[in-house]
N, C-alpha and C. Protein backbone atom coordinates (compact mmCIF):
# COMPACT_ATOMS: atom_id res chain seq x y z
N MET A 1 49.62 -32.62 6.54
CA MET A 1 49.71 -32.23 7.94
C MET A 1 49.02 -30.89 8.14
N SER A 2 48.18 -30.82 9.16
CA SER A 2 47.44 -29.57 9.36
C SER A 2 48.23 -28.61 10.25
N ILE A 3 47.80 -27.38 10.25
CA ILE A 3 48.48 -26.31 10.98
C ILE A 3 48.10 -26.39 12.46
N LYS A 4 49.12 -26.24 13.32
CA LYS A 4 48.91 -26.35 14.77
C LYS A 4 48.82 -24.97 15.41
N ILE A 5 47.80 -24.80 16.27
CA ILE A 5 47.56 -23.55 16.98
C ILE A 5 47.55 -23.82 18.48
N LEU A 6 48.20 -22.95 19.24
CA LEU A 6 48.22 -23.03 20.70
C LEU A 6 47.19 -22.06 21.26
N ILE A 7 46.28 -22.59 22.09
CA ILE A 7 45.29 -21.77 22.78
C ILE A 7 45.72 -21.66 24.23
N VAL A 8 45.86 -20.42 24.72
CA VAL A 8 46.28 -20.18 26.10
C VAL A 8 45.18 -19.40 26.81
N ASP A 9 44.45 -20.07 27.69
CA ASP A 9 43.35 -19.43 28.42
C ASP A 9 43.08 -20.23 29.69
N ASP A 10 42.86 -19.54 30.80
CA ASP A 10 42.61 -20.24 32.06
C ASP A 10 41.18 -20.78 32.15
N SER A 11 40.31 -20.39 31.22
CA SER A 11 38.93 -20.88 31.20
C SER A 11 38.81 -22.10 30.29
N ALA A 12 38.45 -23.24 30.89
CA ALA A 12 38.27 -24.46 30.11
C ALA A 12 37.15 -24.27 29.08
N THR A 13 36.12 -23.51 29.43
CA THR A 13 35.00 -23.28 28.53
C THR A 13 35.45 -22.50 27.30
N VAL A 14 36.24 -21.45 27.51
CA VAL A 14 36.74 -20.66 26.37
C VAL A 14 37.67 -21.51 25.51
N ARG A 15 38.56 -22.27 26.15
CA ARG A 15 39.45 -23.14 25.36
C ARG A 15 38.64 -24.09 24.50
N GLN A 16 37.57 -24.64 25.07
CA GLN A 16 36.73 -25.57 24.32
C GLN A 16 36.05 -24.87 23.14
N GLN A 17 35.53 -23.67 23.35
CA GLN A 17 34.85 -22.93 22.27
C GLN A 17 35.84 -22.61 21.14
N VAL A 18 37.02 -22.16 21.51
CA VAL A 18 38.04 -21.83 20.51
C VAL A 18 38.50 -23.09 19.79
N ARG A 19 38.75 -24.16 20.56
CA ARG A 19 39.20 -25.42 19.97
C ARG A 19 38.18 -25.93 18.95
N LEU A 20 36.90 -25.95 19.33
CA LEU A 20 35.87 -26.46 18.42
C LEU A 20 35.81 -25.64 17.13
N ALA A 21 35.85 -24.31 17.25
CA ALA A 21 35.79 -23.45 16.06
C ALA A 21 36.98 -23.72 15.14
N LEU A 22 38.17 -23.84 15.72
CA LEU A 22 39.38 -24.02 14.91
C LEU A 22 39.51 -25.44 14.37
N GLN A 23 39.09 -26.44 15.17
CA GLN A 23 39.16 -27.82 14.68
C GLN A 23 38.21 -28.02 13.50
N GLN A 24 37.05 -27.39 13.55
CA GLN A 24 36.10 -27.51 12.44
C GLN A 24 36.67 -26.91 11.17
N ALA A 25 37.61 -25.97 11.32
CA ALA A 25 38.27 -25.35 10.16
C ALA A 25 39.52 -26.12 9.76
N GLY A 26 39.81 -27.23 10.46
CA GLY A 26 40.91 -28.10 10.06
C GLY A 26 42.23 -27.90 10.79
N PHE A 27 42.24 -27.07 11.83
CA PHE A 27 43.47 -26.84 12.58
C PHE A 27 43.67 -27.90 13.67
N ASP A 28 44.94 -28.19 13.99
CA ASP A 28 45.29 -29.00 15.15
C ASP A 28 45.46 -28.05 16.33
N ILE A 29 45.07 -28.51 17.52
CA ILE A 29 45.06 -27.62 18.68
C ILE A 29 45.91 -28.19 19.82
N VAL A 30 46.68 -27.29 20.44
CA VAL A 30 47.38 -27.55 21.70
C VAL A 30 46.82 -26.54 22.69
N GLU A 31 46.62 -26.96 23.95
CA GLU A 31 46.04 -26.06 24.94
C GLU A 31 46.98 -25.84 26.11
N ALA A 32 46.92 -24.61 26.67
CA ALA A 32 47.67 -24.26 27.87
C ALA A 32 46.74 -23.45 28.79
N VAL A 33 47.00 -23.53 30.10
CA VAL A 33 46.09 -22.93 31.08
C VAL A 33 46.51 -21.55 31.58
N ASP A 34 47.74 -21.13 31.30
CA ASP A 34 48.21 -19.80 31.68
C ASP A 34 49.48 -19.48 30.90
N GLY A 35 50.05 -18.30 31.14
CA GLY A 35 51.22 -17.89 30.39
C GLY A 35 52.43 -18.77 30.57
N VAL A 36 52.64 -19.24 31.80
CA VAL A 36 53.79 -20.13 32.06
C VAL A 36 53.63 -21.42 31.26
N ASP A 37 52.44 -22.02 31.35
CA ASP A 37 52.14 -23.24 30.60
C ASP A 37 52.22 -22.97 29.10
N GLY A 38 51.77 -21.79 28.68
CA GLY A 38 51.81 -21.44 27.26
C GLY A 38 53.23 -21.42 26.71
N ILE A 39 54.15 -20.82 27.45
CA ILE A 39 55.54 -20.77 27.01
C ILE A 39 56.13 -22.18 26.98
N GLU A 40 55.81 -22.99 27.99
CA GLU A 40 56.30 -24.38 28.01
C GLU A 40 55.77 -25.16 26.82
N LYS A 41 54.48 -25.01 26.50
CA LYS A 41 53.89 -25.74 25.37
C LYS A 41 54.46 -25.23 24.05
N LEU A 42 54.64 -23.93 23.93
CA LEU A 42 55.20 -23.37 22.70
C LEU A 42 56.63 -23.87 22.51
N SER A 43 57.38 -23.98 23.59
CA SER A 43 58.76 -24.47 23.52
C SER A 43 58.82 -25.95 23.13
N SER A 44 57.85 -26.73 23.58
CA SER A 44 57.89 -28.17 23.32
C SER A 44 57.16 -28.58 22.04
N HIS A 45 56.33 -27.70 21.51
CA HIS A 45 55.63 -27.95 20.24
C HIS A 45 56.17 -26.96 19.21
N ARG A 46 57.30 -27.27 18.65
CA ARG A 46 58.00 -26.35 17.77
C ARG A 46 57.27 -26.12 16.44
N ASP A 47 56.23 -26.90 16.17
CA ASP A 47 55.48 -26.73 14.93
C ASP A 47 54.23 -25.86 15.09
N VAL A 48 54.05 -25.23 16.26
CA VAL A 48 52.93 -24.31 16.45
C VAL A 48 53.12 -23.10 15.55
N ARG A 49 52.07 -22.74 14.82
CA ARG A 49 52.17 -21.65 13.85
C ARG A 49 51.43 -20.38 14.29
N LEU A 50 50.63 -20.49 15.40
CA LEU A 50 49.88 -19.34 15.90
C LEU A 50 49.55 -19.59 17.36
N VAL A 51 49.61 -18.52 18.17
CA VAL A 51 49.19 -18.56 19.56
C VAL A 51 47.99 -17.65 19.72
N ILE A 52 46.94 -18.16 20.36
CA ILE A 52 45.77 -17.35 20.70
C ILE A 52 45.71 -17.34 22.22
N ALA A 53 45.83 -16.14 22.83
CA ALA A 53 46.00 -16.06 24.28
C ALA A 53 45.05 -15.05 24.92
N ASP A 54 44.58 -15.41 26.09
CA ASP A 54 43.80 -14.53 26.95
C ASP A 54 44.77 -13.52 27.59
N VAL A 55 44.24 -12.44 28.14
CA VAL A 55 45.06 -11.49 28.87
C VAL A 55 45.08 -11.83 30.36
N ASN A 56 43.90 -11.96 30.96
CA ASN A 56 43.81 -12.15 32.40
C ASN A 56 43.88 -13.63 32.77
N MET A 57 45.06 -14.03 33.28
CA MET A 57 45.28 -15.42 33.70
C MET A 57 46.17 -15.42 34.94
N PRO A 58 46.09 -16.49 35.74
CA PRO A 58 46.97 -16.59 36.91
C PRO A 58 48.41 -16.92 36.51
N ARG A 59 49.30 -16.85 37.46
CA ARG A 59 50.74 -17.12 37.33
C ARG A 59 51.44 -16.15 36.39
N MET A 60 51.08 -16.17 35.11
CA MET A 60 51.63 -15.21 34.14
C MET A 60 50.50 -14.84 33.19
N ASN A 61 50.19 -13.53 33.12
CA ASN A 61 49.09 -13.13 32.25
C ASN A 61 49.53 -13.11 30.78
N GLY A 62 48.58 -12.89 29.90
CA GLY A 62 48.87 -12.96 28.48
C GLY A 62 49.84 -11.90 27.99
N LEU A 63 49.76 -10.69 28.56
CA LEU A 63 50.70 -9.64 28.15
C LEU A 63 52.12 -9.98 28.57
N GLU A 64 52.28 -10.48 29.79
CA GLU A 64 53.60 -10.90 30.25
C GLU A 64 54.13 -12.03 29.38
N MET A 65 53.25 -12.95 28.98
CA MET A 65 53.66 -14.05 28.12
C MET A 65 54.13 -13.53 26.76
N VAL A 66 53.38 -12.60 26.17
CA VAL A 66 53.77 -12.03 24.88
C VAL A 66 55.13 -11.34 25.00
N GLU A 67 55.32 -10.59 26.06
CA GLU A 67 56.58 -9.88 26.27
C GLU A 67 57.74 -10.87 26.45
N SER A 68 57.49 -11.96 27.16
CA SER A 68 58.51 -12.98 27.37
C SER A 68 58.85 -13.68 26.05
N ILE A 69 57.84 -14.02 25.26
CA ILE A 69 58.06 -14.68 23.97
C ILE A 69 58.83 -13.75 23.03
N ALA A 70 58.50 -12.46 23.07
CA ALA A 70 59.16 -11.48 22.18
C ALA A 70 60.67 -11.43 22.43
N LYS A 71 61.09 -11.70 23.66
CA LYS A 71 62.52 -11.65 24.01
C LYS A 71 63.25 -12.96 23.69
N ASN A 72 62.51 -13.99 23.27
CA ASN A 72 63.10 -15.30 23.02
C ASN A 72 63.21 -15.56 21.51
N PRO A 73 64.43 -15.48 20.97
CA PRO A 73 64.61 -15.65 19.52
C PRO A 73 64.12 -17.00 18.99
N ALA A 74 64.08 -18.01 19.85
CA ALA A 74 63.62 -19.33 19.41
C ALA A 74 62.10 -19.38 19.26
N LEU A 75 61.39 -18.42 19.88
CA LEU A 75 59.92 -18.46 19.88
C LEU A 75 59.27 -17.26 19.21
N ASN A 76 59.99 -16.16 19.08
CA ASN A 76 59.32 -14.90 18.74
C ASN A 76 58.88 -14.76 17.28
N SER A 77 59.07 -15.77 16.47
CA SER A 77 58.57 -15.69 15.09
C SER A 77 57.12 -16.18 14.98
N VAL A 78 56.58 -16.75 16.06
CA VAL A 78 55.21 -17.27 16.04
C VAL A 78 54.25 -16.11 16.31
N PRO A 79 53.29 -15.85 15.40
CA PRO A 79 52.34 -14.76 15.64
C PRO A 79 51.42 -15.06 16.82
N ILE A 80 51.03 -14.00 17.52
CA ILE A 80 50.16 -14.12 18.69
C ILE A 80 48.96 -13.20 18.52
N VAL A 81 47.77 -13.74 18.82
CA VAL A 81 46.54 -12.97 18.82
C VAL A 81 45.98 -13.02 20.24
N MET A 82 45.62 -11.85 20.77
CA MET A 82 45.01 -11.81 22.09
C MET A 82 43.50 -11.99 21.92
N LEU A 83 42.91 -12.83 22.78
CA LEU A 83 41.47 -13.09 22.78
C LEU A 83 41.01 -12.84 24.21
N THR A 84 40.30 -11.73 24.43
CA THR A 84 40.08 -11.28 25.80
C THR A 84 38.80 -10.46 25.94
N THR A 85 38.35 -10.31 27.17
CA THR A 85 37.23 -9.41 27.46
C THR A 85 37.72 -7.97 27.58
N GLU A 86 39.02 -7.78 27.66
CA GLU A 86 39.61 -6.45 27.83
C GLU A 86 39.54 -5.65 26.53
N GLY A 87 39.17 -4.38 26.64
CA GLY A 87 39.16 -3.51 25.48
C GLY A 87 39.98 -2.25 25.72
N ASN A 88 40.69 -2.20 26.84
CA ASN A 88 41.47 -1.04 27.23
C ASN A 88 42.54 -0.72 26.18
N PRO A 89 42.49 0.49 25.60
CA PRO A 89 43.47 0.85 24.54
C PRO A 89 44.92 0.75 25.01
N ASP A 90 45.19 1.01 26.29
CA ASP A 90 46.57 0.90 26.79
C ASP A 90 47.04 -0.55 26.76
N LEU A 91 46.14 -1.49 27.09
CA LEU A 91 46.51 -2.91 27.03
C LEU A 91 46.71 -3.36 25.60
N VAL A 92 45.85 -2.88 24.71
CA VAL A 92 45.99 -3.23 23.28
C VAL A 92 47.34 -2.73 22.77
N ARG A 93 47.67 -1.48 23.09
CA ARG A 93 48.94 -0.90 22.65
C ARG A 93 50.13 -1.67 23.23
N ARG A 94 50.04 -2.02 24.51
CA ARG A 94 51.13 -2.78 25.15
C ARG A 94 51.32 -4.13 24.46
N ALA A 95 50.22 -4.81 24.16
CA ALA A 95 50.30 -6.11 23.49
C ALA A 95 50.90 -5.96 22.09
N LYS A 96 50.45 -4.96 21.35
CA LYS A 96 50.98 -4.76 19.99
C LYS A 96 52.44 -4.35 20.03
N ASP A 97 52.81 -3.51 21.00
CA ASP A 97 54.21 -3.11 21.15
C ASP A 97 55.10 -4.32 21.43
N ALA A 98 54.54 -5.30 22.15
CA ALA A 98 55.30 -6.52 22.48
C ALA A 98 55.30 -7.51 21.32
N GLY A 99 54.50 -7.26 20.29
CA GLY A 99 54.53 -8.13 19.13
C GLY A 99 53.24 -8.86 18.81
N ALA A 100 52.18 -8.66 19.59
CA ALA A 100 50.90 -9.31 19.27
C ALA A 100 50.40 -8.79 17.92
N LYS A 101 49.89 -9.70 17.10
CA LYS A 101 49.44 -9.36 15.75
C LYS A 101 47.97 -8.99 15.68
N GLY A 102 47.21 -9.29 16.74
CA GLY A 102 45.79 -9.00 16.71
C GLY A 102 45.18 -8.98 18.09
N TRP A 103 43.96 -8.45 18.17
CA TRP A 103 43.24 -8.32 19.44
C TRP A 103 41.78 -8.60 19.14
N ILE A 104 41.24 -9.68 19.68
CA ILE A 104 39.84 -10.06 19.47
C ILE A 104 39.14 -10.02 20.82
N VAL A 105 38.00 -9.32 20.89
CA VAL A 105 37.28 -9.18 22.15
C VAL A 105 36.24 -10.29 22.27
N LYS A 106 36.19 -10.91 23.48
CA LYS A 106 35.18 -11.92 23.80
C LYS A 106 33.88 -11.19 24.14
N PRO A 107 32.71 -11.78 23.88
CA PRO A 107 32.56 -13.05 23.17
C PRO A 107 32.92 -12.87 21.69
N PHE A 108 33.58 -13.89 21.15
CA PHE A 108 34.08 -13.79 19.79
C PHE A 108 33.14 -14.47 18.81
N LYS A 109 33.22 -14.05 17.56
CA LYS A 109 32.49 -14.72 16.48
C LYS A 109 33.43 -15.75 15.87
N ALA A 110 33.00 -17.00 15.84
CA ALA A 110 33.86 -18.09 15.40
C ALA A 110 34.43 -17.84 14.00
N HIS A 111 33.63 -17.35 13.07
CA HIS A 111 34.13 -17.16 11.70
C HIS A 111 35.23 -16.09 11.63
N LEU A 112 35.16 -15.08 12.51
CA LEU A 112 36.21 -14.05 12.52
C LEU A 112 37.50 -14.61 13.12
N LEU A 113 37.36 -15.44 14.14
CA LEU A 113 38.54 -16.08 14.74
C LEU A 113 39.20 -17.01 13.73
N VAL A 114 38.41 -17.80 13.04
CA VAL A 114 38.94 -18.72 12.02
C VAL A 114 39.63 -17.93 10.90
N ALA A 115 39.01 -16.83 10.47
CA ALA A 115 39.61 -16.02 9.41
C ALA A 115 40.97 -15.45 9.85
N ALA A 116 41.04 -14.98 11.09
CA ALA A 116 42.31 -14.46 11.60
C ALA A 116 43.35 -15.58 11.66
N ALA A 117 42.93 -16.76 12.12
CA ALA A 117 43.85 -17.90 12.21
C ALA A 117 44.35 -18.29 10.82
N GLN A 118 43.45 -18.33 9.85
CA GLN A 118 43.86 -18.72 8.49
C GLN A 118 44.83 -17.70 7.91
N LYS A 119 44.64 -16.42 8.21
CA LYS A 119 45.53 -15.40 7.68
C LYS A 119 46.89 -15.45 8.36
N LEU A 120 46.93 -15.57 9.68
CA LEU A 120 48.18 -15.45 10.43
C LEU A 120 48.99 -16.75 10.50
N ALA A 121 48.32 -17.88 10.40
CA ALA A 121 49.03 -19.17 10.56
C ALA A 121 49.46 -19.77 9.23
N ALA A 122 49.11 -19.11 8.14
CA ALA A 122 49.42 -19.65 6.81
C ALA A 122 50.92 -19.75 6.57
């Protein structure tokens, strides 16, 4: 059985790019379109081993999602990596304070994303 990763991004193009890179490395992928959907998918796919999330999304952004997951004992053991165009140090600090394990700036290099996934989802 392969390792399952949840991709949370409102851009279908970004989800596709991330999915292709991770599937080629042997990961199973679940996708969500925003933070609310991400929490629902994480709750219903209990075998997800890593979440990769955008910051800027409608309904609930990635930072709010990380903070919400951090408060939920049933979900907060799953590592989260932010994948975003944002490079603001305050946002990075907020995400890490809430429990995010990494911060990757778009456009991303597929091999670096795969390496992070292999390290964190193992």
